[in-house]
Amino acid sequence: MKKIALFPGSFDPLTMGHLSTIERGAQIFDEVIVGIFINTNKKSLLSTEEKVQLAKEAVAYLPNVKVISQQTELTVQTARRLGAKFLLRGIRNGSDYEYEKDIMTMNRHLDPEIETVFLMAETQYSHISSSLLKETLLFQGDVKKYLPENVYEAIKKKREPR
């Protein structure tokens, strides 16, 4: 039986930390599906279409990774529909763990057949988040080393005066 993991997130923007988790997940699972989901608590920098396109470009070298988007289902419903028995999540610190543990518990309640797998962030990415990068970008801070090249270039182009 094929081991499929869904890596859900808003990925606004996709960071090197996300990419690291995807790469490591691709070594563990037969297939990793990056799910671009809507986070109703966040204001988006990129449209869903932009996030999907940028994520597809960033993971193109990983043959067992694909990218989807969805806006109308719970994560476990999407996982079930895709045949994913695992949810892949990255954890940077203790705060992430507490937050993710609550989500994992609710997902287990909703579908006990789906297992959540946590991967600890690599040290060089453990302090970054999409929200922190967006805040830094707002004030023209340098975040290039924390974003895949295509994502950095797309954001830079988007911010150029027209």
N, C-alpha and C. Protein backbone atom coordinates (compact mmCIF):
# COMPACT_ATOMS: atom_id res chain seq x y z
N MET A 1 0.84 -1.19 0.00
CA MET A 1 0.00 0.00 0.00
C MET A 1 0.88 1.25 0.00
N LYS A 2 0.55 2.18 -0.86
CA LYS A 2 1.30 3.42 -1.02
C LYS A 2 1.09 4.33 0.19
N LYS A 3 2.18 4.86 0.75
CA LYS A 3 2.10 5.77 1.88
C LYS A 3 2.05 7.21 1.36
N ILE A 4 0.87 7.82 1.51
CA ILE A 4 0.65 9.18 1.01
C ILE A 4 0.48 10.12 2.20
N ALA A 5 1.21 11.24 2.16
CA ALA A 5 1.10 12.26 3.20
C ALA A 5 0.60 13.56 2.58
N LEU A 6 -0.29 14.21 3.29
CA LEU A 6 -0.76 15.54 2.92
C LEU A 6 -0.05 16.54 3.82
N PHE A 7 0.59 17.54 3.21
CA PHE A 7 1.24 18.62 3.95
C PHE A 7 0.40 19.87 3.73
N PRO A 8 -0.54 20.14 4.66
CA PRO A 8 -1.43 21.27 4.47
C PRO A 8 -0.85 22.56 5.04
N GLY A 9 -1.20 23.67 4.43
CA GLY A 9 -0.78 24.97 4.95
C GLY A 9 -1.25 26.08 4.04
N SER A 10 -1.08 27.31 4.50
CA SER A 10 -1.43 28.45 3.65
C SER A 10 -0.26 28.82 2.74
N PHE A 11 0.97 28.52 3.15
CA PHE A 11 2.17 28.72 2.33
C PHE A 11 2.18 30.11 1.69
N ASP A 12 2.02 31.12 2.52
CA ASP A 12 1.91 32.50 2.04
C ASP A 12 2.97 33.37 2.68
N PRO A 13 4.19 33.31 2.20
CA PRO A 13 4.70 32.52 1.08
C PRO A 13 5.31 31.19 1.54
N LEU A 14 5.55 30.34 0.56
CA LEU A 14 6.31 29.11 0.78
C LEU A 14 7.73 29.50 1.18
N THR A 15 8.21 28.95 2.28
CA THR A 15 9.54 29.31 2.79
C THR A 15 10.52 28.15 2.58
N MET A 16 11.79 28.42 2.84
CA MET A 16 12.80 27.36 2.80
C MET A 16 12.52 26.33 3.90
N GLY A 17 11.95 26.76 5.00
CA GLY A 17 11.56 25.82 6.06
C GLY A 17 10.49 24.85 5.56
N HIS A 18 9.49 25.38 4.85
CA HIS A 18 8.46 24.51 4.25
C HIS A 18 9.11 23.54 3.26
N LEU A 19 9.98 24.09 2.41
CA LEU A 19 10.62 23.27 1.38
C LEU A 19 11.46 22.16 2.02
N SER A 20 12.13 22.47 3.10
CA SER A 20 12.91 21.46 3.82
C SER A 20 12.01 20.34 4.33
N THR A 21 10.87 20.70 4.89
CA THR A 21 9.91 19.70 5.39
C THR A 21 9.40 18.85 4.23
N ILE A 22 9.11 19.47 3.11
CA ILE A 22 8.63 18.74 1.93
C ILE A 22 9.70 17.76 1.45
N GLU A 23 10.94 18.22 1.34
CA GLU A 23 12.04 17.35 0.89
C GLU A 23 12.20 16.15 1.83
N ARG A 24 12.20 16.42 3.11
CA ARG A 24 12.38 15.34 4.09
C ARG A 24 11.19 14.39 4.08
N GLY A 25 9.99 14.94 3.92
CA GLY A 25 8.79 14.11 3.82
C GLY A 25 8.83 13.22 2.58
N ALA A 26 9.37 13.77 1.48
CA ALA A 26 9.46 13.02 0.22
C ALA A 26 10.40 11.82 0.36
N GLN A 27 11.32 11.87 1.33
CA GLN A 27 12.20 10.73 1.58
C GLN A 27 11.52 9.65 2.43
N ILE A 28 10.52 10.06 3.19
CA ILE A 28 9.83 9.14 4.10
C ILE A 28 8.62 8.49 3.45
N PHE A 29 7.86 9.28 2.67
CA PHE A 29 6.60 8.81 2.10
C PHE A 29 6.73 8.53 0.61
N ASP A 30 5.87 7.66 0.11
CA ASP A 30 5.85 7.37 -1.32
C ASP A 30 5.40 8.60 -2.12
N GLU A 31 4.48 9.36 -1.52
CA GLU A 31 3.96 10.56 -2.18
C GLU A 31 3.66 11.61 -1.11
N VAL A 32 4.02 12.84 -1.42
CA VAL A 32 3.67 13.97 -0.57
C VAL A 32 2.83 14.93 -1.40
N ILE A 33 1.68 15.27 -0.86
CA ILE A 33 0.79 16.23 -1.52
C ILE A 33 0.83 17.51 -0.70
N VAL A 34 1.32 18.58 -1.32
CA VAL A 34 1.34 19.88 -0.67
C VAL A 34 -0.04 20.49 -0.92
N GLY A 35 -0.77 20.71 0.16
CA GLY A 35 -2.13 21.25 0.06
C GLY A 35 -2.15 22.72 0.41
N ILE A 36 -2.43 23.55 -0.58
CA ILE A 36 -2.55 24.99 -0.34
C ILE A 36 -3.97 25.23 0.17
N PHE A 37 -4.08 25.55 1.45
CA PHE A 37 -5.37 25.74 2.09
C PHE A 37 -5.53 27.22 2.44
N ILE A 38 -6.74 27.60 2.72
CA ILE A 38 -7.05 28.97 3.13
C ILE A 38 -6.97 29.06 4.64
N ASN A 39 -6.23 30.04 5.14
CA ASN A 39 -6.21 30.31 6.58
C ASN A 39 -7.05 31.57 6.79
N THR A 40 -8.23 31.38 7.37
CA THR A 40 -9.17 32.50 7.53
C THR A 40 -8.67 33.54 8.54
N ASN A 41 -7.63 33.21 9.31
CA ASN A 41 -7.10 34.14 10.30
C ASN A 41 -5.96 35.01 9.75
N LYS A 42 -5.59 34.80 8.49
CA LYS A 42 -4.45 35.54 7.94
C LYS A 42 -4.85 36.32 6.70
N LYS A 43 -4.21 37.47 6.51
CA LYS A 43 -4.37 38.25 5.29
C LYS A 43 -3.29 37.77 4.32
N SER A 44 -3.70 37.41 3.12
CA SER A 44 -2.77 36.82 2.15
C SER A 44 -1.97 37.86 1.38
N LEU A 45 -0.71 37.53 1.19
CA LEU A 45 0.19 38.31 0.35
C LEU A 45 0.01 37.88 -1.11
N LEU A 46 -0.19 36.58 -1.31
CA LEU A 46 -0.29 36.00 -2.64
C LEU A 46 -1.68 35.39 -2.85
N SER A 47 -2.14 35.37 -4.09
CA SER A 47 -3.41 34.70 -4.40
C SER A 47 -3.20 33.19 -4.35
N THR A 48 -4.29 32.46 -4.26
CA THR A 48 -4.19 31.00 -4.26
C THR A 48 -3.50 30.51 -5.53
N GLU A 49 -3.85 31.09 -6.66
CA GLU A 49 -3.25 30.69 -7.93
C GLU A 49 -1.74 30.93 -7.93
N GLU A 50 -1.32 32.07 -7.39
CA GLU A 50 0.11 32.37 -7.31
C GLU A 50 0.82 31.38 -6.39
N LYS A 51 0.22 31.08 -5.25
CA LYS A 51 0.83 30.14 -4.30
C LYS A 51 0.98 28.76 -4.92
N VAL A 52 -0.05 28.30 -5.63
CA VAL A 52 0.01 26.98 -6.28
C VAL A 52 1.11 26.96 -7.34
N GLN A 53 1.16 27.97 -8.19
CA GLN A 53 2.16 28.02 -9.26
C GLN A 53 3.58 28.06 -8.68
N LEU A 54 3.78 28.91 -7.68
CA LEU A 54 5.11 29.03 -7.08
C LEU A 54 5.53 27.74 -6.37
N ALA A 55 4.59 27.11 -5.68
CA ALA A 55 4.90 25.84 -5.01
C ALA A 55 5.23 24.75 -6.03
N LYS A 56 4.47 24.68 -7.12
CA LYS A 56 4.75 23.69 -8.17
C LYS A 56 6.15 23.88 -8.74
N GLU A 57 6.52 25.13 -8.99
CA GLU A 57 7.87 25.42 -9.51
C GLU A 57 8.94 25.03 -8.49
N ALA A 58 8.69 25.33 -7.22
CA ALA A 58 9.69 25.09 -6.17
C ALA A 58 9.93 23.61 -5.91
N VAL A 59 8.93 22.76 -6.14
CA VAL A 59 9.07 21.32 -5.86
C VAL A 59 9.19 20.49 -7.13
N ALA A 60 9.34 21.13 -8.26
CA ALA A 60 9.37 20.42 -9.55
C ALA A 60 10.44 19.33 -9.62
N TYR A 61 11.53 19.48 -8.88
CA TYR A 61 12.62 18.50 -8.90
C TYR A 61 12.33 17.27 -8.02
N LEU A 62 11.23 17.28 -7.31
CA LEU A 62 10.86 16.15 -6.45
C LEU A 62 9.76 15.35 -7.13
N PRO A 63 10.10 14.19 -7.71
CA PRO A 63 9.13 13.45 -8.52
C PRO A 63 7.92 12.90 -7.75
N ASN A 64 8.03 12.74 -6.45
CA ASN A 64 6.92 12.17 -5.69
C ASN A 64 6.16 13.23 -4.89
N VAL A 65 6.26 14.49 -5.34
CA VAL A 65 5.54 15.58 -4.68
C VAL A 65 4.63 16.25 -5.70
N LYS A 66 3.39 16.50 -5.27
CA LYS A 66 2.49 17.28 -6.11
C LYS A 66 1.82 18.35 -5.26
N VAL A 67 1.24 19.32 -5.92
CA VAL A 67 0.63 20.47 -5.25
C VAL A 67 -0.83 20.58 -5.67
N ILE A 68 -1.67 20.78 -4.66
CA ILE A 68 -3.10 20.99 -4.92
C ILE A 68 -3.55 22.19 -4.11
N SER A 69 -4.74 22.68 -4.41
CA SER A 69 -5.35 23.69 -3.55
C SER A 69 -6.77 23.26 -3.25
N GLN A 70 -7.25 23.72 -2.13
CA GLN A 70 -8.65 23.48 -1.79
C GLN A 70 -9.07 24.54 -0.78
N GLN A 71 -10.34 24.91 -0.86
CA GLN A 71 -10.82 25.99 -0.01
C GLN A 71 -12.12 25.65 0.71
N THR A 72 -12.63 24.44 0.53
CA THR A 72 -13.98 24.17 1.03
C THR A 72 -14.09 22.97 1.97
N GLU A 73 -12.99 22.31 2.28
CA GLU A 73 -13.04 21.11 3.11
C GLU A 73 -12.13 21.23 4.32
N LEU A 74 -12.45 20.44 5.32
CA LEU A 74 -11.53 20.25 6.43
C LEU A 74 -10.33 19.47 5.93
N THR A 75 -9.21 19.62 6.58
CA THR A 75 -7.98 18.93 6.18
C THR A 75 -8.18 17.42 6.12
N VAL A 76 -8.84 16.84 7.13
CA VAL A 76 -9.02 15.38 7.13
C VAL A 76 -9.93 14.93 6.00
N GLN A 77 -10.90 15.77 5.61
CA GLN A 77 -11.75 15.41 4.47
C GLN A 77 -10.93 15.38 3.18
N THR A 78 -10.06 16.36 3.02
CA THR A 78 -9.19 16.38 1.85
C THR A 78 -8.25 15.18 1.85
N ALA A 79 -7.65 14.89 3.01
CA ALA A 79 -6.75 13.74 3.12
C ALA A 79 -7.48 12.46 2.72
N ARG A 80 -8.66 12.26 3.26
CA ARG A 80 -9.45 11.06 2.96
C ARG A 80 -9.73 10.97 1.45
N ARG A 81 -10.16 12.07 0.86
CA ARG A 81 -10.48 12.11 -0.57
C ARG A 81 -9.26 11.77 -1.42
N LEU A 82 -8.06 12.19 -0.98
CA LEU A 82 -6.83 11.96 -1.73
C LEU A 82 -6.16 10.62 -1.41
N GLY A 83 -6.70 9.90 -0.44
CA GLY A 83 -6.10 8.62 -0.04
C GLY A 83 -4.88 8.79 0.85
N ALA A 84 -4.74 9.96 1.46
CA ALA A 84 -3.60 10.22 2.36
C ALA A 84 -3.95 9.73 3.76
N LYS A 85 -3.12 8.86 4.29
CA LYS A 85 -3.31 8.35 5.65
C LYS A 85 -2.46 9.11 6.66
N PHE A 86 -1.66 10.07 6.17
CA PHE A 86 -0.76 10.83 7.04
C PHE A 86 -0.89 12.32 6.76
N LEU A 87 -0.81 13.10 7.82
CA LEU A 87 -0.70 14.55 7.71
C LEU A 87 0.72 14.89 8.13
N LEU A 88 1.43 15.59 7.29
CA LEU A 88 2.80 15.99 7.56
C LEU A 88 2.79 17.41 8.09
N ARG A 89 3.48 17.64 9.21
CA ARG A 89 3.54 18.96 9.81
C ARG A 89 4.96 19.26 10.28
N GLY A 90 5.38 20.49 10.12
CA GLY A 90 6.68 20.92 10.61
C GLY A 90 6.51 21.66 11.92
N ILE A 91 7.46 21.46 12.81
CA ILE A 91 7.43 22.14 14.11
C ILE A 91 8.75 22.87 14.31
N ARG A 92 8.66 24.16 14.65
CA ARG A 92 9.85 24.98 14.85
C ARG A 92 10.24 25.08 16.31
N ASN A 93 9.26 25.07 17.21
CA ASN A 93 9.52 25.34 18.62
C ASN A 93 8.38 24.81 19.49
N GLY A 94 8.47 25.08 20.78
CA GLY A 94 7.46 24.61 21.72
C GLY A 94 6.08 25.19 21.47
N SER A 95 6.02 26.44 21.05
CA SER A 95 4.73 27.07 20.74
C SER A 95 4.07 26.36 19.57
N ASP A 96 4.85 26.05 18.53
CA ASP A 96 4.32 25.30 17.39
C ASP A 96 3.79 23.94 17.85
N TYR A 97 4.55 23.28 18.73
CA TYR A 97 4.14 21.97 19.20
C TYR A 97 2.77 22.04 19.88
N GLU A 98 2.58 23.00 20.77
CA GLU A 98 1.31 23.12 21.49
C GLU A 98 0.16 23.39 20.51
N TYR A 99 0.39 24.28 19.56
CA TYR A 99 -0.61 24.60 18.55
C TYR A 99 -0.93 23.38 17.69
N GLU A 100 0.10 22.72 17.20
CA GLU A 100 -0.07 21.55 16.33
C GLU A 100 -0.68 20.36 17.08
N LYS A 101 -0.37 20.22 18.35
CA LYS A 101 -0.93 19.13 19.16
C LYS A 101 -2.44 19.26 19.24
N ASP A 102 -2.94 20.48 19.41
CA ASP A 102 -4.38 20.70 19.47
C ASP A 102 -5.04 20.37 18.13
N ILE A 103 -4.41 20.78 17.04
CA ILE A 103 -4.95 20.47 15.71
C ILE A 103 -4.93 18.96 15.49
N MET A 104 -3.82 18.31 15.87
CA MET A 104 -3.72 16.86 15.72
C MET A 104 -4.83 16.15 16.50
N THR A 105 -5.10 16.61 17.72
CA THR A 105 -6.13 15.99 18.54
C THR A 105 -7.50 16.13 17.89
N MET A 106 -7.80 17.30 17.35
CA MET A 106 -9.09 17.49 16.66
C MET A 106 -9.15 16.63 15.41
N ASN A 107 -8.07 16.57 14.65
CA ASN A 107 -8.06 15.74 13.45
C ASN A 107 -8.26 14.26 13.80
N ARG A 108 -7.65 13.81 14.89
CA ARG A 108 -7.84 12.41 15.34
C ARG A 108 -9.29 12.17 15.72
N HIS A 109 -9.92 13.16 16.34
CA HIS A 109 -11.34 13.06 16.67
C HIS A 109 -12.18 12.93 15.39
N LEU A 110 -11.85 13.74 14.39
CA LEU A 110 -12.61 13.75 13.13
C LEU A 110 -12.36 12.52 12.29
N ASP A 111 -11.14 11.99 12.33
CA ASP A 111 -10.80 10.79 11.57
C ASP A 111 -9.64 10.05 12.23
N PRO A 112 -9.96 9.05 13.08
CA PRO A 112 -8.90 8.33 13.80
C PRO A 112 -7.98 7.50 12.90
N GLU A 113 -8.33 7.35 11.63
CA GLU A 113 -7.52 6.58 10.68
C GLU A 113 -6.33 7.39 10.15
N ILE A 114 -6.37 8.69 10.33
CA ILE A 114 -5.32 9.55 9.78
C ILE A 114 -4.34 9.92 10.88
N GLU A 115 -3.07 9.65 10.61
CA GLU A 115 -2.00 9.89 11.59
C GLU A 115 -1.25 11.17 11.24
N THR A 116 -0.92 11.97 12.24
CA THR A 116 -0.12 13.18 12.03
C THR A 116 1.34 12.85 12.33
N VAL A 117 2.22 13.27 11.43
CA VAL A 117 3.66 13.05 11.59
C VAL A 117 4.32 14.43 11.67
N PHE A 118 5.04 14.66 12.77
CA PHE A 118 5.74 15.92 12.98
C PHE A 118 7.21 15.78 12.61
N LEU A 119 7.74 16.75 11.88
CA LEU A 119 9.17 16.84 11.62
C LEU A 119 9.66 18.14 12.23
N MET A 120 10.72 18.05 13.01
CA MET A 120 11.31 19.25 13.61
C MET A 120 12.02 20.05 12.52
N ALA A 121 11.88 21.36 12.59
CA ALA A 121 12.54 22.24 11.63
C ALA A 121 14.05 22.15 11.78
N GLU A 122 14.73 22.28 10.66
CA GLU A 122 16.18 22.36 10.71
C GLU A 122 16.55 23.68 11.40
N THR A 123 17.65 23.67 12.13
CA THR A 123 18.06 24.80 12.97
C THR A 123 18.05 26.12 12.21
N GLN A 124 18.55 26.14 10.99
CA GLN A 124 18.66 27.41 10.26
C GLN A 124 17.30 27.99 9.87
N TYR A 125 16.22 27.19 10.02
CA TYR A 125 14.87 27.67 9.69
C TYR A 125 13.94 27.72 10.90
N SER A 126 14.44 27.38 12.06
CA SER A 126 13.55 27.24 13.22
C SER A 126 13.00 28.57 13.74
N HIS A 127 13.54 29.67 13.30
CA HIS A 127 13.06 30.97 13.77
C HIS A 127 12.19 31.69 12.75
N ILE A 128 12.00 31.10 11.57
CA ILE A 128 11.24 31.82 10.54
C ILE A 128 9.82 31.28 10.40
N SER A 129 8.94 32.17 10.01
CA SER A 129 7.57 31.82 9.69
C SER A 129 7.15 32.70 8.52
N SER A 130 6.12 32.29 7.81
CA SER A 130 5.61 33.12 6.72
C SER A 130 5.19 34.49 7.24
N SER A 131 4.56 34.51 8.42
CA SER A 131 4.11 35.79 9.00
C SER A 131 5.29 36.71 9.29
N LEU A 132 6.36 36.17 9.86
CA LEU A 132 7.54 36.97 10.17
C LEU A 132 8.18 37.49 8.88
N LEU A 133 8.24 36.65 7.86
CA LEU A 133 8.83 37.08 6.59
C LEU A 133 7.98 38.16 5.94
N LYS A 134 6.65 38.03 6.01
CA LYS A 134 5.77 39.06 5.43
C LYS A 134 5.97 40.39 6.15
N GLU A 135 6.09 40.35 7.46
CA GLU A 135 6.32 41.58 8.24
C GLU A 135 7.66 42.20 7.85
N THR A 136 8.69 41.39 7.71
CA THR A 136 10.01 41.89 7.33
C THR A 136 9.97 42.47 5.92
N LEU A 137 9.27 41.80 5.01
CA LEU A 137 9.13 42.29 3.64
C LEU A 137 8.40 43.64 3.59
N LEU A 138 7.42 43.81 4.45
CA LEU A 138 6.64 45.04 4.48
C LEU A 138 7.54 46.26 4.65
N PHE A 139 8.61 46.09 5.41
CA PHE A 139 9.53 47.19 5.67
C PHE A 139 10.85 47.03 4.91
N GLN A 140 10.78 46.33 3.77
CA GLN A 140 11.90 46.15 2.85
C GLN A 140 13.11 45.46 3.47
N GLY A 141 12.88 44.58 4.44
CA GLY A 141 13.97 43.79 5.01
C GLY A 141 14.39 42.68 4.07
N ASP A 142 15.61 42.20 4.21
CA ASP A 142 16.17 41.16 3.34
C ASP A 142 15.79 39.77 3.85
N VAL A 143 14.99 39.06 3.07
CA VAL A 143 14.55 37.71 3.44
C VAL A 143 14.94 36.68 2.38
N LYS A 144 15.78 37.07 1.45
CA LYS A 144 16.11 36.22 0.30
C LYS A 144 16.54 34.81 0.69
N LYS A 145 17.37 34.67 1.72
CA LYS A 145 17.89 33.34 2.07
C LYS A 145 16.83 32.43 2.69
N TYR A 146 15.67 32.97 3.01
CA TYR A 146 14.61 32.17 3.63
C TYR A 146 13.50 31.76 2.67
N LEU A 147 13.66 32.14 1.40
CA LEU A 147 12.63 31.83 0.39
C LEU A 147 13.26 31.10 -0.79
N PRO A 148 12.53 30.13 -1.38
CA PRO A 148 13.01 29.56 -2.64
C PRO A 148 13.18 30.70 -3.65
N GLU A 149 14.15 30.57 -4.53
CA GLU A 149 14.48 31.64 -5.48
C GLU A 149 13.26 32.12 -6.26
N ASN A 150 12.44 31.19 -6.77
CA ASN A 150 11.29 31.61 -7.57
C ASN A 150 10.27 32.40 -6.74
N VAL A 151 10.12 32.04 -5.48
CA VAL A 151 9.19 32.75 -4.59
C VAL A 151 9.72 34.15 -4.31
N TYR A 152 11.00 34.23 -4.01
CA TYR A 152 11.62 35.53 -3.75
C TYR A 152 11.46 36.46 -4.96
N GLU A 153 11.75 35.95 -6.14
CA GLU A 153 11.65 36.77 -7.35
C GLU A 153 10.22 37.21 -7.62
N ALA A 154 9.25 36.33 -7.39
CA ALA A 154 7.84 36.68 -7.61
C ALA A 154 7.38 37.77 -6.65
N ILE A 155 7.80 37.67 -5.40
CA ILE A 155 7.42 38.68 -4.41
C ILE A 155 8.10 40.01 -4.71
N LYS A 156 9.37 39.93 -5.09
CA LYS A 156 10.12 41.15 -5.44
C LYS A 156 9.44 41.86 -6.61
N LYS A 157 9.06 41.09 -7.62
CA LYS A 157 8.40 41.65 -8.80
C LYS A 157 7.04 42.24 -8.43
N LYS A 158 6.33 41.56 -7.57
CA LYS A 158 5.00 42.01 -7.14
C LYS A 158 5.09 43.35 -6.39
N ARG A 159 6.21 43.57 -5.69
CA ARG A 159 6.36 44.77 -4.87
C ARG A 159 6.94 45.96 -5.64
N GLU A 160 7.40 45.70 -6.88
CA GLU A 160 7.97 46.79 -7.66
C GLU A 160 6.88 47.80 -8.04
N PRO A 161 7.20 49.09 -7.99
CA PRO A 161 6.22 50.10 -8.40
C PRO A 161 5.87 49.93 -9.87
N ARG A 162 4.64 50.18 -10.16
CA ARG A 162 4.19 50.01 -11.56
C ARG A 162 4.11 51.29 -12.29
